[in-house]
Protein backbone atom coordinates (compact mmCIF):
# COMPACT_ATOMS: atom_id res chain seq x y z
CA MET A 1 25.92 -15.97 -18.51
CA GLU A 2 22.68 -15.76 -20.44
CA LEU A 3 19.24 -14.78 -19.14
CA LYS A 4 15.96 -15.26 -20.96
CA VAL A 5 13.11 -12.90 -20.09
CA LYS A 6 9.80 -14.73 -19.61
CA ASP A 7 6.49 -13.00 -20.33
CA ASN A 8 8.34 -9.72 -20.99
CA LYS A 9 9.01 -9.15 -17.26
CA PHE A 10 11.73 -9.72 -14.74
CA TYR A 11 12.34 -8.58 -11.18
CA LEU A 12 15.42 -6.90 -9.75
CA LEU A 13 16.26 -7.09 -6.06
CA GLU A 14 18.69 -4.40 -4.99
CA ALA A 15 20.05 -4.18 -1.45
CA SER A 16 22.78 -2.35 0.42
CA ILE A 17 24.85 -4.82 2.41
CA PHE A 18 27.15 -4.01 5.30
CA LYS A 19 30.58 -5.51 4.77
CA HIS A 20 33.65 -3.46 5.50
CA ALA A 21 31.78 -0.68 3.69
CA LEU A 22 28.25 -0.32 2.41
CA SER A 23 27.85 -1.84 -1.06
CA ASN A 24 24.87 -2.23 -3.38
CA GLU A 25 24.28 -5.68 -4.78
CA LYS A 26 21.68 -6.76 -7.34
CA TRP A 27 19.95 -10.03 -8.23
CA ILE A 28 17.56 -10.82 -11.10
CA TYR A 29 14.52 -13.13 -10.79
CA ASP A 30 11.88 -14.45 -13.18
CA THR A 31 8.93 -13.80 -10.87
CA GLU A 32 7.94 -11.46 -8.08
CA THR A 33 7.50 -14.46 -5.76
CA ASP A 34 11.06 -15.62 -6.47
CA ALA A 35 12.37 -12.09 -5.79
CA VAL A 36 10.58 -12.04 -2.42
CA LYS A 37 12.00 -15.48 -1.60
CA GLY A 38 15.45 -14.18 -2.52
CA PHE A 39 14.90 -11.19 -0.23
CA LYS A 40 13.84 -13.48 2.63
CA LYS A 41 16.96 -15.60 2.17
CA LEU A 42 19.14 -12.49 1.99
CA ILE A 43 17.83 -11.01 5.24
CA SER A 44 18.51 -14.29 7.03
CA GLU A 45 22.13 -14.40 5.82
CA LYS A 46 23.39 -10.81 5.70
CA GLN A 47 23.17 -7.51 7.55
CA LEU A 48 21.23 -5.11 5.33
CA GLU A 49 20.64 -1.37 5.35
CA PRO A 50 16.82 -1.22 5.65
CA GLU A 51 16.50 2.11 3.83
CA ASN A 52 18.23 0.78 0.71
CA ILE A 53 16.27 -2.33 -0.26
CA VAL A 54 13.96 -2.44 -3.26
CA ILE A 55 12.33 -5.00 -5.55
CA MET A 56 11.62 -3.58 -9.00
CA GLU A 57 9.44 -5.00 -11.76
CA VAL A 58 10.93 -4.42 -15.21
CA ASP A 59 8.42 -4.69 -18.06
CA THR A 60 10.02 -5.03 -21.49
CA THR A 61 6.76 -5.28 -23.46
CA GLU A 62 7.22 -1.99 -25.30
CA GLU A 63 10.25 -0.31 -26.81
CA LYS A 64 10.47 1.95 -23.76
CA TRP A 65 10.85 -0.34 -20.75
CA ARG A 66 8.81 0.39 -17.63
CA ILE A 67 10.35 0.03 -14.19
CA ASN A 68 8.12 0.05 -11.10
CA ALA A 69 8.95 -0.62 -7.47
CA VAL A 70 6.95 -3.46 -5.95
CA PRO A 71 4.98 -1.97 -3.01
CA TRP A 72 6.26 -2.94 0.45
CA ALA A 73 2.74 -3.93 1.54
CA LYS A 74 2.68 -6.54 -1.24
CA ILE A 75 6.13 -7.84 -0.25
CA ALA A 76 5.11 -7.98 3.43
CA MET A 77 1.96 -9.97 2.61
CA GLN A 78 4.01 -12.57 0.72
CA LEU A 79 6.51 -12.81 3.58
CA VAL A 80 3.77 -13.23 6.18
CA LYS A 81 1.99 -15.87 4.08
CA GLY A 82 5.28 -17.66 3.61
CA GLU A 83 5.04 -17.67 -0.18
């Protein structure tokens, strides 16, 4: 599998999913909007541990990459708007 980073950023959705045991799973998206859509789809299909869900923005512009969590208020606004 090959992934190409667009505009020096990508978004990582990480969630703990209840199966037989709690397991962390991760997905990569091109945009924040796509990551929120992925989160919305995930919560409709699986039982998640609410305390262990995060969307992170990874900025690869400089040699030292920056990783920042996307604020929950921003995620909630996109979910409410249906974006």
